Amino acid sequence: MDHPACIVMTSASTEDEAEALAAALVEARLAACVQVQRVRSFYIWEEALHREPEWVLLIKTLAARYPALEAFIRERHSYETPEIVQLPVSAGSPDYLRWLGASSTGLDQA
């Protein structure tokens, strides 16, 4: 794989915030695709157990785009400490990975 791909995960407290962030990431060419899924999160924050509905964003991009993508999310996120986690893609369909690369950079990767 010439340009390693990754999936970046973050979450948002509302569907509107998740959709706005997803659209902005794709429009900025920081992501090829963002999937938004409703989940229920359980976590400790400020010494209290929380059970909250959230929307998880699975952001498909190139590993080289991660620093810019992280900064983009931090600038726009409503959470004080947003989840921003990068997961490497170790293998994938060559055609899909070419599309992902082209869509994440605006450059033809074929």
PDB file of N, CA and C in Angstrom:
ATOM      1  N   MET A   1       0.858  -1.164   0.000  1.00  0.00           N
ATOM      2  CA  MET A   1       0.000   0.000   0.000  1.00  0.00           C
ATOM      3  C   MET A   1       0.907   1.230   0.000  1.00  0.00           C
ATOM      4  N   ASP A   2       0.833   2.034  -1.046  1.00  0.00           N
ATOM      5  CA  ASP A   2       1.682   3.221  -1.168  1.00  0.00           C
ATOM      6  C   ASP A   2       1.397   4.260  -0.090  1.00  0.00           C
ATOM      7  N   HIS A   3       0.144   4.484   0.188  1.00  0.00           N
ATOM      8  CA  HIS A   3      -0.279   5.487   1.158  1.00  0.00           C
ATOM      9  C   HIS A   3      -1.132   4.785   2.200  1.00  0.00           C
ATOM     10  N   PRO A   4      -0.582   4.496   3.390  1.00  0.00           N
ATOM     11  CA  PRO A   4      -1.343   3.740   4.388  1.00  0.00           C
ATOM     12  C   PRO A   4      -2.654   4.412   4.760  1.00  0.00           C
ATOM     13  N   ALA A   5      -3.688   3.595   4.796  1.00  0.00           N
ATOM     14  CA  ALA A   5      -5.017   4.068   5.178  1.00  0.00           C
ATOM     15  C   ALA A   5      -5.214   3.867   6.662  1.00  0.00           C
ATOM     16  N   CYS A   6      -6.178   4.579   7.216  1.00  0.00           N
ATOM     17  CA  CYS A   6      -6.548   4.390   8.611  1.00  0.00           C
ATOM     18  C   CYS A   6      -8.014   4.740   8.791  1.00  0.00           C
ATOM     19  N   ILE A   7      -8.523   4.342   9.935  1.00  0.00           N
ATOM     20  CA  ILE A   7      -9.855   4.738  10.365  1.00  0.00           C
ATOM     21  C   ILE A   7      -9.667   5.546  11.645  1.00  0.00           C
ATOM     22  N   VAL A   8     -10.283   6.689  11.695  1.00  0.00           N
ATOM     23  CA  VAL A   8     -10.226   7.521  12.891  1.00  0.00           C
ATOM     24  C   VAL A   8     -11.622   7.507  13.498  1.00  0.00           C
ATOM     25  N   MET A   9     -11.672   7.290  14.803  1.00  0.00           N
ATOM     26  CA  MET A   9     -12.949   7.279  15.513  1.00  0.00           C
ATOM     27  C   MET A   9     -13.071   8.517  16.382  1.00  0.00           C
ATOM     28  N   THR A  10     -14.256   9.082  16.368  1.00  0.00           N
ATOM     29  CA  THR A  10     -14.615  10.125  17.318  1.00  0.00           C
ATOM     30  C   THR A  10     -16.100   9.952  17.598  1.00  0.00           C
ATOM     31  N   SER A  11     -16.601  10.702  18.541  1.00  0.00           N
ATOM     32  CA  SER A  11     -18.026  10.629  18.849  1.00  0.00           C
ATOM     33  C   SER A  11     -18.545  12.034  19.099  1.00  0.00           C
ATOM     34  N   ALA A  12     -19.857  12.163  18.993  1.00  0.00           N
ATOM     35  CA  ALA A  12     -20.511  13.456  19.203  1.00  0.00           C
ATOM     36  C   ALA A  12     -21.750  13.243  20.065  1.00  0.00           C
ATOM     37  N   SER A  13     -22.153  14.278  20.747  1.00  0.00           N
ATOM     38  CA  SER A  13     -23.289  14.152  21.661  1.00  0.00           C
ATOM     39  C   SER A  13     -24.636  14.247  20.967  1.00  0.00           C
ATOM     40  N   THR A  14     -24.665  14.838  19.767  1.00  0.00           N
ATOM     41  CA  THR A  14     -25.934  14.952  19.046  1.00  0.00           C
ATOM     42  C   THR A  14     -25.765  14.490  17.606  1.00  0.00           C
ATOM     43  N   GLU A  15     -26.859  14.080  17.037  1.00  0.00           N
ATOM     44  CA  GLU A  15     -26.842  13.664  15.634  1.00  0.00           C
ATOM     45  C   GLU A  15     -26.485  14.846  14.727  1.00  0.00           C
ATOM     46  N   ASP A  16     -27.007  16.024  15.047  1.00  0.00           N
ATOM     47  CA  ASP A  16     -26.703  17.206  14.230  1.00  0.00           C
ATOM     48  C   ASP A  16     -25.212  17.514  14.234  1.00  0.00           C
ATOM     49  N   GLU A  17     -24.583  17.452  15.414  1.00  0.00           N
ATOM     50  CA  GLU A  17     -23.140  17.703  15.484  1.00  0.00           C
ATOM     51  C   GLU A  17     -22.368  16.648  14.701  1.00  0.00           C
ATOM     52  N   ALA A  18     -22.758  15.382  14.844  1.00  0.00           N
ATOM     53  CA  ALA A  18     -22.080  14.301  14.128  1.00  0.00           C
ATOM     54  C   ALA A  18     -22.194  14.489  12.621  1.00  0.00           C
ATOM     55  N   GLU A  19     -23.388  14.806  12.139  1.00  0.00           N
ATOM     56  CA  GLU A  19     -23.588  14.983  10.701  1.00  0.00           C
ATOM     57  C   GLU A  19     -22.841  16.198  10.175  1.00  0.00           C
ATOM     58  N   ALA A  20     -22.840  17.275  10.926  1.00  0.00           N
ATOM     59  CA  ALA A  20     -22.118  18.479  10.497  1.00  0.00           C
ATOM     60  C   ALA A  20     -20.619  18.209  10.422  1.00  0.00           C
ATOM     61  N   LEU A  21     -20.081  17.522  11.412  1.00  0.00           N
ATOM     62  CA  LEU A  21     -18.658  17.205  11.421  1.00  0.00           C
ATOM     63  C   LEU A  21     -18.317  16.248  10.285  1.00  0.00           C
ATOM     64  N   ALA A  22     -19.141  15.234  10.070  1.00  0.00           N
ATOM     65  CA  ALA A  22     -18.910  14.280   8.983  1.00  0.00           C
ATOM     66  C   ALA A  22     -18.877  14.989   7.633  1.00  0.00           C
ATOM     67  N   ALA A  23     -19.851  15.826   7.376  1.00  0.00           N
ATOM     68  CA  ALA A  23     -19.909  16.541   6.104  1.00  0.00           C
ATOM     69  C   ALA A  23     -18.711  17.471   5.943  1.00  0.00           C
ATOM     70  N   ALA A  24     -18.342  18.166   7.003  1.00  0.00           N
ATOM     71  CA  ALA A  24     -17.207  19.095   6.925  1.00  0.00           C
ATOM     72  C   ALA A  24     -15.903  18.352   6.652  1.00  0.00           C
ATOM     73  N   LEU A  25     -15.719  17.183   7.261  1.00  0.00           N
ATOM     74  CA  LEU A  25     -14.496  16.395   7.032  1.00  0.00           C
ATOM     75  C   LEU A  25     -14.392  15.937   5.580  1.00  0.00           C
ATOM     76  N   VAL A  26     -15.514  15.490   5.019  1.00  0.00           N
ATOM     77  CA  VAL A  26     -15.501  15.035   3.620  1.00  0.00           C
ATOM     78  C   VAL A  26     -15.315  16.228   2.682  1.00  0.00           C
ATOM     79  N   GLU A  27     -16.010  17.314   2.942  1.00  0.00           N
ATOM     80  CA  GLU A  27     -15.879  18.500   2.083  1.00  0.00           C
ATOM     81  C   GLU A  27     -14.466  19.074   2.119  1.00  0.00           C
ATOM     82  N   ALA A  28     -13.789  18.970   3.257  1.00  0.00           N
ATOM     83  CA  ALA A  28     -12.414  19.465   3.389  1.00  0.00           C
ATOM     84  C   ALA A  28     -11.394  18.473   2.828  1.00  0.00           C
ATOM     85  N   ARG A  29     -11.869  17.342   2.331  1.00  0.00           N
ATOM     86  CA  ARG A  29     -11.019  16.279   1.772  1.00  0.00           C
ATOM     87  C   ARG A  29     -10.082  15.686   2.818  1.00  0.00           C
ATOM     88  N   LEU A  30     -10.459  15.783   4.084  1.00  0.00           N
ATOM     89  CA  LEU A  30      -9.703  15.127   5.143  1.00  0.00           C
ATOM     90  C   LEU A  30     -10.144  13.681   5.316  1.00  0.00           C
ATOM     91  N   ALA A  31     -11.291  13.342   4.754  1.00  0.00           N
ATOM     92  CA  ALA A  31     -11.828  11.983   4.819  1.00  0.00           C
ATOM     93  C   ALA A  31     -12.462  11.632   3.490  1.00  0.00           C
ATOM     94  N   ALA A  32     -12.335  10.367   3.133  1.00  0.00           N
ATOM     95  CA  ALA A  32     -13.008   9.873   1.929  1.00  0.00           C
ATOM     96  C   ALA A  32     -14.469   9.569   2.231  1.00  0.00           C
ATOM     97  N   CYS A  33     -14.703   9.083   3.441  1.00  0.00           N
ATOM     98  CA  CYS A  33     -16.038   8.645   3.846  1.00  0.00           C
ATOM     99  C   CYS A  33     -16.118   8.718   5.363  1.00  0.00           C
ATOM    100  N   VAL A  34     -17.281   9.074   5.862  1.00  0.00           N
ATOM    101  CA  VAL A  34     -17.524   9.050   7.308  1.00  0.00           C
ATOM    102  C   VAL A  34     -18.860   8.350   7.530  1.00  0.00           C
ATOM    103  N   GLN A  35     -18.831   7.333   8.360  1.00  0.00           N
ATOM    104  CA  GLN A  35     -20.061   6.658   8.748  1.00  0.00           C
ATOM    105  C   GLN A  35     -20.446   7.135  10.142  1.00  0.00           C
ATOM    106  N   VAL A  36     -21.736   7.385  10.332  1.00  0.00           N
ATOM    107  CA  VAL A  36     -22.255   7.867  11.608  1.00  0.00           C
ATOM    108  C   VAL A  36     -23.232   6.824  12.137  1.00  0.00           C
ATOM    109  N   GLN A  37     -22.994   6.389  13.372  1.00  0.00           N
ATOM    110  CA  GLN A  37     -23.836   5.367  13.987  1.00  0.00           C
ATOM    111  C   GLN A  37     -24.233   5.793  15.391  1.00  0.00           C
ATOM    112  N   ARG A  38     -25.479   5.547  15.733  1.00  0.00           N
ATOM    113  CA  ARG A  38     -25.948   5.857  17.095  1.00  0.00           C
ATOM    114  C   ARG A  38     -25.511   4.725  18.025  1.00  0.00           C
ATOM    115  N   VAL A  39     -25.004   5.115  19.189  1.00  0.00           N
ATOM    116  CA  VAL A  39     -24.570   4.151  20.208  1.00  0.00           C
ATOM    117  C   VAL A  39     -24.970   4.669  21.586  1.00  0.00           C
ATOM    118  N   ARG A  40     -24.823   3.835  22.590  1.00  0.00           N
ATOM    119  CA  ARG A  40     -24.963   4.269  23.971  1.00  0.00           C
ATOM    120  C   ARG A  40     -23.618   4.051  24.629  1.00  0.00           C
ATOM    121  N   SER A  41     -23.059   5.108  25.202  1.00  0.00           N
ATOM    122  CA  SER A  41     -21.738   5.048  25.823  1.00  0.00           C
ATOM    123  C   SER A  41     -21.866   5.062  27.341  1.00  0.00           C
ATOM    124  N   PHE A  42     -21.028   4.271  27.980  1.00  0.00           N
ATOM    125  CA  PHE A  42     -20.913   4.218  29.436  1.00  0.00           C
ATOM    126  C   PHE A  42     -19.485   4.616  29.771  1.00  0.00           C
ATOM    127  N   TYR A  43     -19.331   5.630  30.620  1.00  0.00           N
ATOM    128  CA  TYR A  43     -17.986   6.098  30.942  1.00  0.00           C
ATOM    129  C   TYR A  43     -17.999   6.883  32.254  1.00  0.00           C
ATOM    130  N   ILE A  44     -16.816   7.010  32.831  1.00  0.00           N
ATOM    131  CA  ILE A  44     -16.639   7.836  34.028  1.00  0.00           C
ATOM    132  C   ILE A  44     -16.103   9.188  33.575  1.00  0.00           C
ATOM    133  N   TRP A  45     -16.765  10.257  33.991  1.00  0.00           N
ATOM    134  CA  TRP A  45     -16.302  11.614  33.721  1.00  0.00           C
ATOM    135  C   TRP A  45     -16.542  12.426  34.975  1.00  0.00           C
ATOM    136  N   GLU A  46     -15.505  13.092  35.447  1.00  0.00           N
ATOM    137  CA  GLU A  46     -15.569  13.890  36.669  1.00  0.00           C
ATOM    138  C   GLU A  46     -16.154  13.078  37.825  1.00  0.00           C
ATOM    139  N   GLU A  47     -15.623  11.852  37.959  1.00  0.00           N
ATOM    140  CA  GLU A  47     -15.942  10.941  39.064  1.00  0.00           C
ATOM    141  C   GLU A  47     -17.389  10.446  39.082  1.00  0.00           C
ATOM    142  N   ALA A  48     -18.109  10.577  37.972  1.00  0.00           N
ATOM    143  CA  ALA A  48     -19.484  10.092  37.915  1.00  0.00           C
ATOM    144  C   ALA A  48     -19.659   9.168  36.708  1.00  0.00           C
ATOM    145  N   LEU A  49     -20.469   8.127  36.901  1.00  0.00           N
ATOM    146  CA  LEU A  49     -20.796   7.226  35.808  1.00  0.00           C
ATOM    147  C   LEU A  49     -21.834   7.884  34.909  1.00  0.00           C
ATOM    148  N   HIS A  50     -21.547   7.908  33.624  1.00  0.00           N
ATOM    149  CA  HIS A  50     -22.481   8.454  32.636  1.00  0.00           C
ATOM    150  C   HIS A  50     -22.962   7.337  31.723  1.00  0.00           C
ATOM    151  N   ARG A  51     -24.220   7.420  31.349  1.00  0.00           N
ATOM    152  CA  ARG A  51     -24.843   6.542  30.351  1.00  0.00           C
ATOM    153  C   ARG A  51     -25.490   7.484  29.352  1.00  0.00           C
ATOM    154  N   GLU A  52     -24.855   7.655  28.219  1.00  0.00           N
ATOM    155  CA  GLU A  52     -25.295   8.707  27.296  1.00  0.00           C
ATOM    156  C   GLU A  52     -25.466   8.178  25.871  1.00  0.00           C
ATOM    157  N   PRO A  53     -26.485   8.657  25.178  1.00  0.00           N
ATOM    158  CA  PRO A  53     -26.533   8.375  23.745  1.00  0.00           C
ATOM    159  C   PRO A  53     -25.457   9.220  23.058  1.00  0.00           C
ATOM    160  N   GLU A  54     -24.776   8.642  22.119  1.00  0.00           N
ATOM    161  CA  GLU A  54     -23.775   9.364  21.325  1.00  0.00           C
ATOM    162  C   GLU A  54     -23.864   8.868  19.895  1.00  0.00           C
ATOM    163  N   TRP A  55     -23.189   9.580  19.025  1.00  0.00           N
ATOM    164  CA  TRP A  55     -23.070   9.195  17.627  1.00  0.00           C
ATOM    165  C   TRP A  55     -21.587   9.024  17.335  1.00  0.00           C
ATOM    166  N   VAL A  56     -21.210   7.804  16.939  1.00  0.00           N
ATOM    167  CA  VAL A  56     -19.821   7.482  16.626  1.00  0.00           C
ATOM    168  C   VAL A  56     -19.575   7.785  15.151  1.00  0.00           C
ATOM    169  N   LEU A  57     -18.462   8.433  14.887  1.00  0.00           N
ATOM    170  CA  LEU A  57     -18.040   8.692  13.520  1.00  0.00           C
ATOM    171  C   LEU A  57     -16.859   7.790  13.204  1.00  0.00           C
ATOM    172  N   LEU A  58     -16.986   6.984  12.160  1.00  0.00           N
ATOM    173  CA  LEU A  58     -15.890   6.172  11.642  1.00  0.00           C
ATOM    174  C   LEU A  58     -15.395   6.880  10.390  1.00  0.00           C
ATOM    175  N   ILE A  59     -14.211   7.448  10.497  1.00  0.00           N
ATOM    176  CA  ILE A  59     -13.665   8.334   9.477  1.00  0.00           C
ATOM    177  C   ILE A  59     -12.604   7.574   8.695  1.00  0.00           C
ATOM    178  N   LYS A  60     -12.815   7.369   7.387  1.00  0.00           N
ATOM    179  CA  LYS A  60     -11.857   6.655   6.546  1.00  0.00           C
ATOM    180  C   LYS A  60     -10.968   7.682   5.854  1.00  0.00           C
ATOM    181  N   THR A  61      -9.655   7.527   6.034  1.00  0.00           N
ATOM    182  CA  THR A  61      -8.711   8.509   5.514  1.00  0.00           C
ATOM    183  C   THR A  61      -7.335   7.889   5.349  1.00  0.00           C
ATOM    184  N   LEU A  62      -6.369   8.710   5.012  1.00  0.00           N
ATOM    185  CA  LEU A  62      -4.976   8.291   4.938  1.00  0.00           C
ATOM    186  C   LEU A  62      -4.270   8.643   6.240  1.00  0.00           C
ATOM    187  N   ALA A  63      -3.350   7.785   6.667  1.00  0.00           N
ATOM    188  CA  ALA A  63      -2.618   8.031   7.906  1.00  0.00           C
ATOM    189  C   ALA A  63      -1.910   9.388   7.866  1.00  0.00           C
ATOM    190  N   ALA A  64      -1.423   9.785   6.707  1.00  0.00           N
ATOM    191  CA  ALA A  64      -0.723  11.068   6.578  1.00  0.00           C
ATOM    192  C   ALA A  64      -1.645  12.258   6.843  1.00  0.00           C
ATOM    193  N   ARG A  65      -2.949  12.065   6.726  1.00  0.00           N
ATOM    194  CA  ARG A  65      -3.916  13.139   6.955  1.00  0.00           C
ATOM    195  C   ARG A  65      -4.284  13.279   8.434  1.00  0.00           C
ATOM    196  N   TYR A  66      -3.838  12.325   9.273  1.00  0.00           N
ATOM    197  CA  TYR A  66      -4.259  12.316  10.670  1.00  0.00           C
ATOM    198  C   TYR A  66      -3.971  13.627  11.414  1.00  0.00           C
ATOM    199  N   PRO A  67      -2.774  14.186  11.359  1.00  0.00           N
ATOM    200  CA  PRO A  67      -2.546  15.421  12.131  1.00  0.00           C
ATOM    201  C   PRO A  67      -3.523  16.550  11.773  1.00  0.00           C
ATOM    202  N   ALA A  68      -3.775  16.747  10.492  1.00  0.00           N
ATOM    203  CA  ALA A  68      -4.709  17.790  10.069  1.00  0.00           C
ATOM    204  C   ALA A  68      -6.136  17.443  10.478  1.00  0.00           C
ATOM    205  N   LEU A  69      -6.484  16.169  10.383  1.00  0.00           N
ATOM    206  CA  LEU A  69      -7.820  15.729  10.754  1.00  0.00           C
ATOM    207  C   LEU A  69      -8.046  15.913  12.259  1.00  0.00           C
ATOM    208  N   GLU A  70      -7.061  15.542  13.064  1.00  0.00           N
ATOM    209  CA  GLU A  70      -7.183  15.728  14.514  1.00  0.00           C
ATOM    210  C   GLU A  70      -7.367  17.201  14.860  1.00  0.00           C
ATOM    211  N   ALA A  71      -6.579  18.062  14.265  1.00  0.00           N
ATOM    212  CA  ALA A  71      -6.698  19.503  14.523  1.00  0.00           C
ATOM    213  C   ALA A  71      -8.083  20.010  14.107  1.00  0.00           C
ATOM    214  N   PHE A  72      -8.569  19.552  12.965  1.00  0.00           N
ATOM    215  CA  PHE A  72      -9.882  19.940  12.447  1.00  0.00           C
ATOM    216  C   PHE A  72     -10.973  19.553  13.446  1.00  0.00           C
ATOM    217  N   ILE A  73     -10.916  18.310  13.952  1.00  0.00           N
ATOM    218  CA  ILE A  73     -11.916  17.848  14.915  1.00  0.00           C
ATOM    219  C   ILE A  73     -11.838  18.674  16.199  1.00  0.00           C
ATOM    220  N   ARG A  74     -10.634  18.881  16.713  1.00  0.00           N
ATOM    221  CA  ARG A  74     -10.467  19.638  17.964  1.00  0.00           C
ATOM    222  C   ARG A  74     -11.048  21.048  17.853  1.00  0.00           C
ATOM    223  N   GLU A  75     -10.867  21.693  16.704  1.00  0.00           N
ATOM    224  CA  GLU A  75     -11.377  23.055  16.505  1.00  0.00           C
ATOM    225  C   GLU A  75     -12.894  23.120  16.526  1.00  0.00           C
ATOM    226  N   ARG A  76     -13.546  22.033  16.117  1.00  0.00           N
ATOM    227  CA  ARG A  76     -14.994  22.067  15.915  1.00  0.00           C
ATOM    228  C   ARG A  76     -15.797  21.259  16.929  1.00  0.00           C
ATOM    229  N   HIS A  77     -15.126  20.510  17.783  1.00  0.00           N
ATOM    230  CA  HIS A  77     -15.825  19.576  18.665  1.00  0.00           C
ATOM    231  C   HIS A  77     -16.353  20.265  19.911  1.00  0.00           C
ATOM    232  N   SER A  78     -17.515  19.826  20.372  1.00  0.00           N
ATOM    233  CA  SER A  78     -18.128  20.423  21.558  1.00  0.00           C
ATOM    234  C   SER A  78     -17.588  19.838  22.862  1.00  0.00           C
ATOM    235  N   TYR A  79     -16.944  18.669  22.815  1.00  0.00           N
ATOM    236  CA  TYR A  79     -16.436  18.049  24.043  1.00  0.00           C
ATOM    237  C   TYR A  79     -15.131  18.693  24.482  1.00  0.00           C
ATOM    238  N   GLU A  80     -14.949  18.775  25.787  1.00  0.00           N
ATOM    239  CA  GLU A  80     -13.689  19.264  26.350  1.00  0.00           C
ATOM    240  C   GLU A  80     -12.538  18.325  25.988  1.00  0.00           C
ATOM    241  N   THR A  81     -12.792  17.007  26.031  1.00  0.00           N
ATOM    242  CA  THR A  81     -11.788  16.001  25.705  1.00  0.00           C
ATOM    243  C   THR A  81     -12.415  15.001  24.736  1.00  0.00           C
ATOM    244  N   PRO A  82     -12.460  15.329  23.450  1.00  0.00           N
ATOM    245  CA  PRO A  82     -13.092  14.410  22.510  1.00  0.00           C
ATOM    246  C   PRO A  82     -12.240  13.161  22.271  1.00  0.00           C
ATOM    247  N   GLU A  83     -12.928  12.060  22.043  1.00  0.00           N
ATOM    248  CA  GLU A  83     -12.256  10.843  21.592  1.00  0.00           C
ATOM    249  C   GLU A  83     -11.761  11.102  20.170  1.00  0.00           C
ATOM    250  N   ILE A  84     -10.481  10.908  19.950  1.00  0.00           N
ATOM    251  CA  ILE A  84      -9.912  10.952  18.603  1.00  0.00           C
ATOM    252  C   ILE A  84      -8.874   9.832  18.570  1.00  0.00           C
ATOM    253  N   VAL A  85      -9.218   8.714  17.947  1.00  0.00           N
ATOM    254  CA  VAL A  85      -8.390   7.523  17.965  1.00  0.00           C
ATOM    255  C   VAL A  85      -8.130   7.076  16.532  1.00  0.00           C
ATOM    256  N   GLN A  86      -6.872   6.836  16.215  1.00  0.00           N
ATOM    257  CA  GLN A  86      -6.489   6.365  14.882  1.00  0.00           C
ATOM    258  C   GLN A  86      -6.264   4.855  14.919  1.00  0.00           C
ATOM    259  N   LEU A  87      -6.910   4.132  14.005  1.00  0.00           N
ATOM    260  CA  LEU A  87      -6.744   2.693  13.857  1.00  0.00           C
ATOM    261  C   LEU A  87      -6.148   2.417  12.482  1.00  0.00           C
ATOM    262  N   PRO A  88      -5.035   1.691  12.404  1.00  0.00           N
ATOM    263  CA  PRO A  88      -4.426   1.420  11.103  1.00  0.00           C
ATOM    264  C   PRO A  88      -5.258   0.416  10.299  1.00  0.00           C
ATOM    265  N   VAL A  89      -5.198   0.546   8.999  1.00  0.00           N
ATOM    266  CA  VAL A  89      -5.785  -0.441   8.091  1.00  0.00           C
ATOM    267  C   VAL A  89      -4.609  -1.251   7.551  1.00  0.00           C
ATOM    268  N   SER A  90      -4.549  -2.526   7.902  1.00  0.00           N
ATOM    269  CA  SER A  90      -3.408  -3.353   7.506  1.00  0.00           C
ATOM    270  C   SER A  90      -3.588  -3.981   6.134  1.00  0.00           C
ATOM    271  N   ALA A  91      -4.824  -4.075   5.655  1.00  0.00           N
ATOM    272  CA  ALA A  91      -5.091  -4.636   4.328  1.00  0.00           C
ATOM    273  C   ALA A  91      -6.465  -4.163   3.871  1.00  0.00           C
ATOM    274  N   GLY A  92      -6.690  -4.250   2.580  1.00  0.00           N
ATOM    275  CA  GLY A  92      -7.987  -3.863   2.037  1.00  0.00           C
ATOM    276  C   GLY A  92      -8.013  -4.034   0.532  1.00  0.00           C
ATOM    277  N   SER A  93      -9.171  -3.914  -0.025  1.00  0.00           N
ATOM    278  CA  SER A  93      -9.333  -4.009  -1.474  1.00  0.00           C
ATOM    279  C   SER A  93      -8.502  -2.919  -2.142  1.00  0.00           C
ATOM    280  N   PRO A  94      -7.614  -3.272  -3.080  1.00  0.00           N
ATOM    281  CA  PRO A  94      -6.789  -2.255  -3.731  1.00  0.00           C
ATOM    282  C   PRO A  94      -7.608  -1.142  -4.391  1.00  0.00           C
ATOM    283  N   ASP A  95      -8.707  -1.507  -5.037  1.00  0.00           N
ATOM    284  CA  ASP A  95      -9.538  -0.483  -5.681  1.00  0.00           C
ATOM    285  C   ASP A  95     -10.130   0.477  -4.643  1.00  0.00           C
ATOM    286  N   TYR A  96     -10.613  -0.062  -3.537  1.00  0.00           N
ATOM    287  CA  TYR A  96     -11.186   0.776  -2.480  1.00  0.00           C
ATOM    288  C   TYR A  96     -10.118   1.683  -1.889  1.00  0.00           C
ATOM    289  N   LEU A  97      -8.938   1.138  -1.622  1.00  0.00           N
ATOM    290  CA  LEU A  97      -7.875   1.936  -1.022  1.00  0.00           C
ATOM    291  C   LEU A  97      -7.391   3.035  -1.964  1.00  0.00           C
ATOM    292  N   ARG A  98      -7.389   2.766  -3.272  1.00  0.00           N
ATOM    293  CA  ARG A  98      -7.050   3.827  -4.238  1.00  0.00           C
ATOM    294  C   ARG A  98      -8.090   4.939  -4.191  1.00  0.00           C
ATOM    295  N   TRP A  99      -9.371   4.544  -4.158  1.00  0.00           N
ATOM    296  CA  TRP A  99     -10.447   5.538  -4.073  1.00  0.00           C
ATOM    297  C   TRP A  99     -10.321   6.342  -2.779  1.00  0.00           C
ATOM    298  N   LEU A 100     -10.055   5.651  -1.661  1.00  0.00           N
ATOM    299  CA  LEU A 100      -9.913   6.321  -0.380  1.00  0.00           C
ATOM    300  C   LEU A 100      -8.792   7.354  -0.449  1.00  0.00           C
ATOM    301  N   GLY A 101      -7.672   6.965  -1.028  1.00  0.00           N
ATOM    302  CA  GLY A 101      -6.546   7.899  -1.147  1.00  0.00           C
ATOM    303  C   GLY A 101      -6.882   9.107  -2.001  1.00  0.00           C
ATOM    304  N   ALA A 102      -7.520   8.858  -3.125  1.00  0.00           N
ATOM    305  CA  ALA A 102      -7.888   9.955  -4.024  1.00  0.00           C
ATOM    306  C   ALA A 102      -8.917  10.879  -3.386  1.00  0.00           C
ATOM    307  N   SER A 103      -9.862  10.304  -2.684  1.00  0.00           N
ATOM    308  CA  SER A 103     -10.926  11.100  -2.077  1.00  0.00           C
ATOM    309  C   SER A 103     -10.444  11.874  -0.847  1.00  0.00           C
ATOM    310  N   SER A 104      -9.411  11.375  -0.179  1.00  0.00           N
ATOM    311  CA  SER A 104      -8.900  12.028   1.018  1.00  0.00           C
ATOM    312  C   SER A 104      -7.929  13.167   0.708  1.00  0.00           C
ATOM    313  N   THR A 105      -7.445  13.200  -0.516  1.00  0.00           N
ATOM    314  CA  THR A 105      -6.452  14.219  -0.864  1.00  0.00           C
ATOM    315  C   THR A 105      -6.868  15.095  -2.024  1.00  0.00           C
ATOM    316  N   GLY A 106      -7.867  14.614  -2.772  1.00  0.00           N
ATOM    317  CA  GLY A 106      -8.249  15.345  -3.978  1.00  0.00           C
ATOM    318  C   GLY A 106      -7.310  15.064  -5.140  1.00  0.00           C
ATOM    319  N   LEU A 107      -6.387  14.109  -4.973  1.00  0.00           N
ATOM    320  CA  LEU A 107      -5.444  13.756  -6.026  1.00  0.00           C
ATOM    321  C   LEU A 107      -5.791  12.409  -6.600  1.00  0.00           C
ATOM    322  N   ASP A 108      -5.571  12.211  -7.856  1.00  0.00           N
ATOM    323  CA  ASP A 108      -5.815  10.924  -8.500  1.00  0.00           C
ATOM    324  C   ASP A 108      -4.719   9.951  -8.077  1.00  0.00           C
ATOM    325  N   GLN A 109      -5.097   8.884  -7.390  1.00  0.00           N
ATOM    326  CA  GLN A 109      -4.153   7.893  -6.892  1.00  0.00           C
ATOM    327  C   GLN A 109      -4.090   6.664  -7.766  1.00  0.00           C
ATOM    328  N   ALA A 110      -4.782   6.639  -8.889  1.00  0.00           N
ATOM    329  CA  ALA A 110      -4.839   5.439  -9.738  1.00  0.00           C
ATOM    330  C   ALA A 110      -3.508   5.118 -10.381  1.00  0.00           C
TER     331      ALA A 110
END
